[in-house]
PDB file of N, CA and C in Angstrom:
ATOM      1  N   MET A   1      -3.923   1.932 -16.431  1.00  0.00           N
ATOM      2  CA  MET A   1      -4.222   1.752 -15.012  1.00  0.00           C
ATOM      3  C   MET A   1      -5.471   2.574 -14.693  1.00  0.00           C
ATOM      4  N   SER A   2      -6.330   1.963 -13.927  1.00  0.00           N
ATOM      5  CA  SER A   2      -7.581   2.637 -13.597  1.00  0.00           C
ATOM      6  C   SER A   2      -7.368   3.709 -12.527  1.00  0.00           C
ATOM      7  N   GLU A   3      -8.292   4.642 -12.521  1.00  0.00           N
ATOM      8  CA  GLU A   3      -8.257   5.689 -11.497  1.00  0.00           C
ATOM      9  C   GLU A   3      -8.467   5.085 -10.113  1.00  0.00           C
ATOM     10  N   ALA A   4      -9.223   3.983 -10.041  1.00  0.00           N
ATOM     11  CA  ALA A   4      -9.470   3.317  -8.760  1.00  0.00           C
ATOM     12  C   ALA A   4      -8.161   2.852  -8.126  1.00  0.00           C
ATOM     13  N   VAL A   5      -7.247   2.334  -8.939  1.00  0.00           N
ATOM     14  CA  VAL A   5      -5.956   1.868  -8.428  1.00  0.00           C
ATOM     15  C   VAL A   5      -5.199   3.039  -7.816  1.00  0.00           C
ATOM     16  N   GLN A   6      -5.145   4.146  -8.531  1.00  0.00           N
ATOM     17  CA  GLN A   6      -4.434   5.324  -8.027  1.00  0.00           C
ATOM     18  C   GLN A   6      -5.070   5.839  -6.746  1.00  0.00           C
ATOM     19  N   GLN A   7      -6.390   5.829  -6.679  1.00  0.00           N
ATOM     20  CA  GLN A   7      -7.091   6.315  -5.486  1.00  0.00           C
ATOM     21  C   GLN A   7      -6.821   5.422  -4.278  1.00  0.00           C
ATOM     22  N   VAL A   8      -6.790   4.105  -4.484  1.00  0.00           N
ATOM     23  CA  VAL A   8      -6.518   3.190  -3.369  1.00  0.00           C
ATOM     24  C   VAL A   8      -5.102   3.401  -2.843  1.00  0.00           C
ATOM     25  N   VAL A   9      -4.139   3.573  -3.733  1.00  0.00           N
ATOM     26  CA  VAL A   9      -2.756   3.835  -3.296  1.00  0.00           C
ATOM     27  C   VAL A   9      -2.718   5.126  -2.482  1.00  0.00           C
ATOM     28  N   GLU A  10      -3.395   6.153  -2.958  1.00  0.00           N
ATOM     29  CA  GLU A  10      -3.428   7.430  -2.233  1.00  0.00           C
ATOM     30  C   GLU A  10      -4.113   7.281  -0.870  1.00  0.00           C
ATOM     31  N   GLN A  11      -5.193   6.508  -0.809  1.00  0.00           N
ATOM     32  CA  GLN A  11      -5.892   6.298   0.461  1.00  0.00           C
ATOM     33  C   GLN A  11      -4.988   5.596   1.478  1.00  0.00           C
ATOM     34  N   PHE A  12      -4.257   4.578   1.036  1.00  0.00           N
ATOM     35  CA  PHE A  12      -3.367   3.880   1.960  1.00  0.00           C
ATOM     36  C   PHE A  12      -2.199   4.756   2.366  1.00  0.00           C
ATOM     37  N   ASN A  13      -1.757   5.624   1.479  1.00  0.00           N
ATOM     38  CA  ASN A  13      -0.711   6.565   1.861  1.00  0.00           C
ATOM     39  C   ASN A  13      -1.207   7.466   2.986  1.00  0.00           C
ATOM     40  N   GLU A  14      -2.453   7.917   2.903  1.00  0.00           N
ATOM     41  CA  GLU A  14      -3.025   8.757   3.959  1.00  0.00           C
ATOM     42  C   GLU A  14      -3.164   7.992   5.271  1.00  0.00           C
ATOM     43  N   ILE A  15      -3.441   6.696   5.199  1.00  0.00           N
ATOM     44  CA  ILE A  15      -3.585   5.874   6.402  1.00  0.00           C
ATOM     45  C   ILE A  15      -2.255   5.755   7.150  1.00  0.00           C
ATOM     46  N   VAL A  16      -1.151   5.575   6.417  1.00  0.00           N
ATOM     47  CA  VAL A  16       0.154   5.355   7.072  1.00  0.00           C
ATOM     48  C   VAL A  16       0.893   6.651   7.362  1.00  0.00           C
ATOM     49  N   LYS A  17       0.464   7.746   6.769  1.00  0.00           N
ATOM     50  CA  LYS A  17       1.160   9.032   6.915  1.00  0.00           C
ATOM     51  C   LYS A  17       1.260   9.536   8.358  1.00  0.00           C
ATOM     52  N   PRO A  18       0.218   9.386   9.208  1.00  0.00           N
ATOM     53  CA  PRO A  18       0.323   9.919  10.571  1.00  0.00           C
ATOM     54  C   PRO A  18       1.500   9.341  11.385  1.00  0.00           C
ATOM     55  N   ASP A  19       1.920   8.114  11.063  1.00  0.00           N
ATOM     56  CA  ASP A  19       3.065   7.513  11.755  1.00  0.00           C
ATOM     57  C   ASP A  19       4.377   7.758  11.010  1.00  0.00           C
ATOM     58  N   GLY A  20       4.328   8.593   9.969  1.00  0.00           N
ATOM     59  CA  GLY A  20       5.531   8.899   9.198  1.00  0.00           C
ATOM     60  C   GLY A  20       5.782   7.917   8.065  1.00  0.00           C
ATOM     61  N   GLY A  21       4.802   7.094   7.735  1.00  0.00           N
ATOM     62  CA  GLY A  21       4.953   6.133   6.658  1.00  0.00           C
ATOM     63  C   GLY A  21       4.599   6.722   5.314  1.00  0.00           C
ATOM     64  N   GLN A  22       4.874   5.937   4.274  1.00  0.00           N
ATOM     65  CA  GLN A  22       4.565   6.381   2.922  1.00  0.00           C
ATOM     66  C   GLN A  22       4.309   5.172   2.028  1.00  0.00           C
ATOM     67  N   VAL A  23       3.301   5.268   1.176  1.00  0.00           N
ATOM     68  CA  VAL A  23       3.013   4.267   0.159  1.00  0.00           C
ATOM     69  C   VAL A  23       3.054   4.984  -1.178  1.00  0.00           C
ATOM     70  N   ARG A  24       3.854   4.423  -2.115  1.00  0.00           N
ATOM     71  CA  ARG A  24       3.970   5.017  -3.446  1.00  0.00           C
ATOM     72  C   ARG A  24       3.732   3.948  -4.504  1.00  0.00           C
ATOM     73  N   LEU A  25       3.088   4.354  -5.572  1.00  0.00           N
ATOM     74  CA  LEU A  25       2.869   3.479  -6.708  1.00  0.00           C
ATOM     75  C   LEU A  25       4.178   3.349  -7.483  1.00  0.00           C
ATOM     76  N   CYS A  26       4.621   2.124  -7.720  1.00  0.00           N
ATOM     77  CA  CYS A  26       5.837   1.900  -8.500  1.00  0.00           C
ATOM     78  C   CYS A  26       5.496   1.518  -9.932  1.00  0.00           C
ATOM     79  N   GLU A  27       4.616   0.515 -10.062  1.00  0.00           N
ATOM     80  CA  GLU A  27       4.351  -0.020 -11.388  1.00  0.00           C
ATOM     81  C   GLU A  27       3.056  -0.822 -11.371  1.00  0.00           C
ATOM     82  N   PHE A  28       2.382  -0.826 -12.488  1.00  0.00           N
ATOM     83  CA  PHE A  28       1.234  -1.705 -12.675  1.00  0.00           C
ATOM     84  C   PHE A  28       1.413  -2.367 -14.029  1.00  0.00           C
ATOM     85  N   ASP A  29       1.658  -3.669 -14.010  1.00  0.00           N
ATOM     86  CA  ASP A  29       1.959  -4.382 -15.249  1.00  0.00           C
ATOM     87  C   ASP A  29       1.447  -5.809 -15.164  1.00  0.00           C
ATOM     88  N   GLY A  30       0.714  -6.233 -16.177  1.00  0.00           N
ATOM     89  CA  GLY A  30       0.248  -7.609 -16.243  1.00  0.00           C
ATOM     90  C   GLY A  30      -0.605  -8.036 -15.060  1.00  0.00           C
ATOM     91  N   GLY A  31      -1.367  -7.125 -14.512  1.00  0.00           N
ATOM     92  CA  GLY A  31      -2.231  -7.449 -13.386  1.00  0.00           C
ATOM     93  C   GLY A  31      -1.548  -7.378 -12.035  1.00  0.00           C
ATOM     94  N   VAL A  32      -0.262  -7.039 -12.032  1.00  0.00           N
ATOM     95  CA  VAL A  32       0.495  -6.955 -10.773  1.00  0.00           C
ATOM     96  C   VAL A  32       0.725  -5.485 -10.430  1.00  0.00           C
ATOM     97  N   LEU A  33       0.208  -5.093  -9.277  1.00  0.00           N
ATOM     98  CA  LEU A  33       0.418  -3.747  -8.762  1.00  0.00           C
ATOM     99  C   LEU A  33       1.600  -3.802  -7.805  1.00  0.00           C
ATOM    100  N   ARG A  34       2.621  -3.013  -8.099  1.00  0.00           N
ATOM    101  CA  ARG A  34       3.793  -2.946  -7.224  1.00  0.00           C
ATOM    102  C   ARG A  34       3.803  -1.577  -6.545  1.00  0.00           C
ATOM    103  N   VAL A  35       3.899  -1.623  -5.217  1.00  0.00           N
ATOM    104  CA  VAL A  35       3.970  -0.388  -4.447  1.00  0.00           C
ATOM    105  C   VAL A  35       5.204  -0.425  -3.561  1.00  0.00           C
ATOM    106  N   SER A  36       5.695   0.752  -3.269  1.00  0.00           N
ATOM    107  CA  SER A  36       6.804   0.918  -2.343  1.00  0.00           C
ATOM    108  C   SER A  36       6.221   1.392  -1.019  1.00  0.00           C
ATOM    109  N   TYR A  37       6.648   0.767   0.066  1.00  0.00           N
ATOM    110  CA  TYR A  37       6.112   1.091   1.391  1.00  0.00           C
ATOM    111  C   TYR A  37       7.245   1.361   2.348  1.00  0.00           C
ATOM    112  N   ARG A  38       7.214   2.559   2.931  1.00  0.00           N
ATOM    113  CA  ARG A  38       8.146   2.897   4.012  1.00  0.00           C
ATOM    114  C   ARG A  38       7.315   2.970   5.278  1.00  0.00           C
ATOM    115  N   PRO A  39       7.426   1.945   6.156  1.00  0.00           N
ATOM    116  CA  PRO A  39       6.653   1.962   7.401  1.00  0.00           C
ATOM    117  C   PRO A  39       7.057   3.139   8.278  1.00  0.00           C
ATOM    118  N   GLY A  40       6.112   3.658   8.978  1.00  0.00           N
ATOM    119  CA  GLY A  40       6.391   4.721   9.927  1.00  0.00           C
ATOM    120  C   GLY A  40       6.772   4.139  11.277  1.00  0.00           C
ATOM    121  N   VAL A  41       6.774   4.987  12.274  1.00  0.00           N
ATOM    122  CA  VAL A  41       7.121   4.587  13.636  1.00  0.00           C
ATOM    123  C   VAL A  41       6.066   5.168  14.581  1.00  0.00           C
ATOM    124  N   ASN A  42       5.568   4.319  15.462  1.00  0.00           N
ATOM    125  CA  ASN A  42       4.637   4.773  16.490  1.00  0.00           C
ATOM    126  C   ASN A  42       5.143   4.196  17.809  1.00  0.00           C
ATOM    127  N   GLU A  43       5.865   5.010  18.558  1.00  0.00           N
ATOM    128  CA  GLU A  43       6.491   4.540  19.794  1.00  0.00           C
ATOM    129  C   GLU A  43       5.467   4.156  20.859  1.00  0.00           C
ATOM    130  N   GLU A  44       4.282   4.725  20.804  1.00  0.00           N
ATOM    131  CA  GLU A  44       3.248   4.414  21.793  1.00  0.00           C
ATOM    132  C   GLU A  44       2.478   3.142  21.443  1.00  0.00           C
ATOM    133  N   CYS A  45       2.511   2.756  20.165  1.00  0.00           N
ATOM    134  CA  CYS A  45       1.755   1.586  19.725  1.00  0.00           C
ATOM    135  C   CYS A  45       2.461   0.961  18.528  1.00  0.00           C
ATOM    136  N   ALA A  46       3.510   0.214  18.793  1.00  0.00           N
ATOM    137  CA  ALA A  46       4.313  -0.377  17.715  1.00  0.00           C
ATOM    138  C   ALA A  46       3.479  -1.292  16.825  1.00  0.00           C
ATOM    139  N   GLU A  47       2.514  -2.013  17.407  1.00  0.00           N
ATOM    140  CA  GLU A  47       1.694  -2.919  16.596  1.00  0.00           C
ATOM    141  C   GLU A  47       0.667  -2.166  15.751  1.00  0.00           C
ATOM    142  N   CYS A  48       0.550  -0.862  15.955  1.00  0.00           N
ATOM    143  CA  CYS A  48      -0.360  -0.054  15.143  1.00  0.00           C
ATOM    144  C   CYS A  48       0.233   0.266  13.765  1.00  0.00           C
ATOM    145  N   VAL A  49       1.533   0.103  13.614  1.00  0.00           N
ATOM    146  CA  VAL A  49       2.183   0.341  12.327  1.00  0.00           C
ATOM    147  C   VAL A  49       1.921  -0.871  11.440  1.00  0.00           C
ATOM    148  N   MET A  50       1.383  -0.617  10.270  1.00  0.00           N
ATOM    149  CA  MET A  50       0.965  -1.685   9.373  1.00  0.00           C
ATOM    150  C   MET A  50       2.168  -2.474   8.832  1.00  0.00           C
ATOM    151  N   GLU A  51       2.059  -3.793   8.920  1.00  0.00           N
ATOM    152  CA  GLU A  51       3.083  -4.673   8.359  1.00  0.00           C
ATOM    153  C   GLU A  51       2.922  -4.708   6.833  1.00  0.00           C
ATOM    154  N   PRO A  52       4.017  -4.870   6.092  1.00  0.00           N
ATOM    155  CA  PRO A  52       3.930  -4.896   4.628  1.00  0.00           C
ATOM    156  C   PRO A  52       2.953  -5.946   4.091  1.00  0.00           C
ATOM    157  N   GLU A  53       2.941  -7.129   4.696  1.00  0.00           N
ATOM    158  CA  GLU A  53       2.044  -8.191   4.226  1.00  0.00           C
ATOM    159  C   GLU A  53       0.582  -7.788   4.413  1.00  0.00           C
ATOM    160  N   ALA A  54       0.280  -7.151   5.544  1.00  0.00           N
ATOM    161  CA  ALA A  54      -1.084  -6.700   5.814  1.00  0.00           C
ATOM    162  C   ALA A  54      -1.481  -5.593   4.837  1.00  0.00           C
ATOM    163  N   LEU A  55      -0.562  -4.694   4.568  1.00  0.00           N
ATOM    164  CA  LEU A  55      -0.824  -3.616   3.620  1.00  0.00           C
ATOM    165  C   LEU A  55      -1.186  -4.189   2.258  1.00  0.00           C
ATOM    166  N   GLY A  56      -0.392  -5.116   1.759  1.00  0.00           N
ATOM    167  CA  GLY A  56      -0.650  -5.719   0.457  1.00  0.00           C
ATOM    168  C   GLY A  56      -1.982  -6.442   0.413  1.00  0.00           C
ATOM    169  N   ALA A  57      -2.285  -7.206   1.461  1.00  0.00           N
ATOM    170  CA  ALA A  57      -3.545  -7.959   1.510  1.00  0.00           C
ATOM    171  C   ALA A  57      -4.741  -7.015   1.561  1.00  0.00           C
ATOM    172  N   MET A  58      -4.642  -5.963   2.347  1.00  0.00           N
ATOM    173  CA  MET A  58      -5.752  -5.013   2.459  1.00  0.00           C
ATOM    174  C   MET A  58      -5.957  -4.257   1.154  1.00  0.00           C
ATOM    175  N   MET A  59      -4.862  -3.863   0.497  1.00  0.00           N
ATOM    176  CA  MET A  59      -4.979  -3.176  -0.786  1.00  0.00           C
ATOM    177  C   MET A  59      -5.624  -4.099  -1.820  1.00  0.00           C
ATOM    178  N   HIS A  60      -5.193  -5.360  -1.846  1.00  0.00           N
ATOM    179  CA  HIS A  60      -5.753  -6.314  -2.798  1.00  0.00           C
ATOM    180  C   HIS A  60      -7.241  -6.520  -2.552  1.00  0.00           C
ATOM    181  N   ASP A  61      -7.627  -6.678  -1.292  1.00  0.00           N
ATOM    182  CA  ASP A  61      -9.041  -6.864  -0.959  1.00  0.00           C
ATOM    183  C   ASP A  61      -9.875  -5.663  -1.400  1.00  0.00           C
ATOM    184  N   MET A  62      -9.364  -4.468  -1.164  1.00  0.00           N
ATOM    185  CA  MET A  62     -10.100  -3.267  -1.546  1.00  0.00           C
ATOM    186  C   MET A  62     -10.217  -3.172  -3.070  1.00  0.00           C
ATOM    187  N   LEU A  63      -9.150  -3.516  -3.756  1.00  0.00           N
ATOM    188  CA  LEU A  63      -9.144  -3.399  -5.211  1.00  0.00           C
ATOM    189  C   LEU A  63      -9.996  -4.462  -5.900  1.00  0.00           C
ATOM    190  N   LYS A  64     -10.181  -5.605  -5.246  1.00  0.00           N
ATOM    191  CA  LYS A  64     -10.999  -6.662  -5.852  1.00  0.00           C
ATOM    192  C   LYS A  64     -12.389  -6.159  -6.200  1.00  0.00           C
ATOM    193  N   GLY A  65     -12.938  -5.314  -5.359  1.00  0.00           N
ATOM    194  CA  GLY A  65     -14.271  -4.786  -5.602  1.00  0.00           C
ATOM    195  C   GLY A  65     -14.296  -3.587  -6.539  1.00  0.00           C
ATOM    196  N   LEU A  66     -13.138  -3.026  -6.852  1.00  0.00           N
ATOM    197  CA  LEU A  66     -13.093  -1.804  -7.656  1.00  0.00           C
ATOM    198  C   LEU A  66     -12.491  -1.992  -9.044  1.00  0.00           C
ATOM    199  N   SER A  67     -11.586  -2.949  -9.189  1.00  0.00           N
ATOM    200  CA  SER A  67     -10.874  -3.099 -10.449  1.00  0.00           C
ATOM    201  C   SER A  67     -10.582  -4.576 -10.712  1.00  0.00           C
ATOM    202  N   ASP A  68     -11.089  -5.077 -11.830  1.00  0.00           N
ATOM    203  CA  ASP A  68     -10.820  -6.467 -12.208  1.00  0.00           C
ATOM    204  C   ASP A  68      -9.410  -6.648 -12.756  1.00  0.00           C
ATOM    205  N   ASP A  69      -8.713  -5.547 -13.001  1.00  0.00           N
ATOM    206  CA  ASP A  69      -7.375  -5.601 -13.597  1.00  0.00           C
ATOM    207  C   ASP A  69      -6.302  -6.076 -12.627  1.00  0.00           C
ATOM    208  N   VAL A  70      -6.502  -5.885 -11.326  1.00  0.00           N
ATOM    209  CA  VAL A  70      -5.464  -6.190 -10.338  1.00  0.00           C
ATOM    210  C   VAL A  70      -5.592  -7.645  -9.883  1.00  0.00           C
ATOM    211  N   LEU A  71      -4.578  -8.426 -10.206  1.00  0.00           N
ATOM    212  CA  LEU A  71      -4.550  -9.833  -9.811  1.00  0.00           C
ATOM    213  C   LEU A  71      -3.752 -10.044  -8.534  1.00  0.00           C
ATOM    214  N   ARG A  72      -2.762  -9.182  -8.329  1.00  0.00           N
ATOM    215  CA  ARG A  72      -1.865  -9.353  -7.182  1.00  0.00           C
ATOM    216  C   ARG A  72      -1.270  -7.996  -6.808  1.00  0.00           C
ATOM    217  N   VAL A  73      -0.980  -7.825  -5.525  1.00  0.00           N
ATOM    218  CA  VAL A  73      -0.300  -6.620  -5.030  1.00  0.00           C
ATOM    219  C   VAL A  73       1.015  -7.051  -4.412  1.00  0.00           C
ATOM    220  N   GLU A  74       2.106  -6.463  -4.893  1.00  0.00           N
ATOM    221  CA  GLU A  74       3.437  -6.723  -4.333  1.00  0.00           C
ATOM    222  C   GLU A  74       3.911  -5.471  -3.614  1.00  0.00           C
ATOM    223  N   VAL A  75       4.419  -5.651  -2.402  1.00  0.00           N
ATOM    224  CA  VAL A  75       4.858  -4.529  -1.587  1.00  0.00           C
ATOM    225  C   VAL A  75       6.378  -4.625  -1.399  1.00  0.00           C
ATOM    226  N   GLU A  76       7.065  -3.596  -1.817  1.00  0.00           N
ATOM    227  CA  GLU A  76       8.510  -3.472  -1.618  1.00  0.00           C
ATOM    228  C   GLU A  76       8.719  -2.548  -0.432  1.00  0.00           C
ATOM    229  N   THR A  77       9.434  -3.011   0.565  1.00  0.00           N
ATOM    230  CA  THR A  77       9.628  -2.229   1.787  1.00  0.00           C
ATOM    231  C   THR A  77      10.885  -1.365   1.664  1.00  0.00           C
ATOM    232  N   GLU A  78      10.719  -0.102   1.974  1.00  0.00           N
ATOM    233  CA  GLU A  78      11.847   0.844   2.018  1.00  0.00           C
ATOM    234  C   GLU A  78      12.300   1.001   3.444  1.00  0.00           C
ATOM    235  N   LYS A  79      13.552   1.287   3.609  1.00  0.00           N
ATOM    236  CA  LYS A  79      14.081   1.629   4.927  1.00  0.00           C
ATOM    237  C   LYS A  79      13.895   3.121   5.145  1.00  0.00           C
ATOM    238  N   GLU A  80      13.676   3.489   6.415  1.00  0.00           N
ATOM    239  CA  GLU A  80      13.519   4.902   6.750  1.00  0.00           C
ATOM    240  C   GLU A  80      14.846   5.616   6.518  1.00  0.00           C
ATOM    241  N   SER A  81      14.772   6.806   5.921  1.00  0.00           N
ATOM    242  CA  SER A  81      16.006   7.561   5.642  1.00  0.00           C
ATOM    243  C   SER A  81      16.263   8.604   6.694  1.00  0.00           C
TER     244      SER A  81
END
């Protein structure tokens, strides 16, 4: 796995962290990047919390320019504990 993949996962984790969210790298296999996403909560702006589909699409778009290895991004949603 390229360093670019790890950096993008870390960048998205920083983006969702202010609302209490978290993005974690689960697996990278056969061109498929799997991440775990626990959405945060923003009571003042509920639509500001990133939807899992948007997260995956944005990560894929960012990675297209950085790593030819990533063919698809799959996002597994976690429930808040």
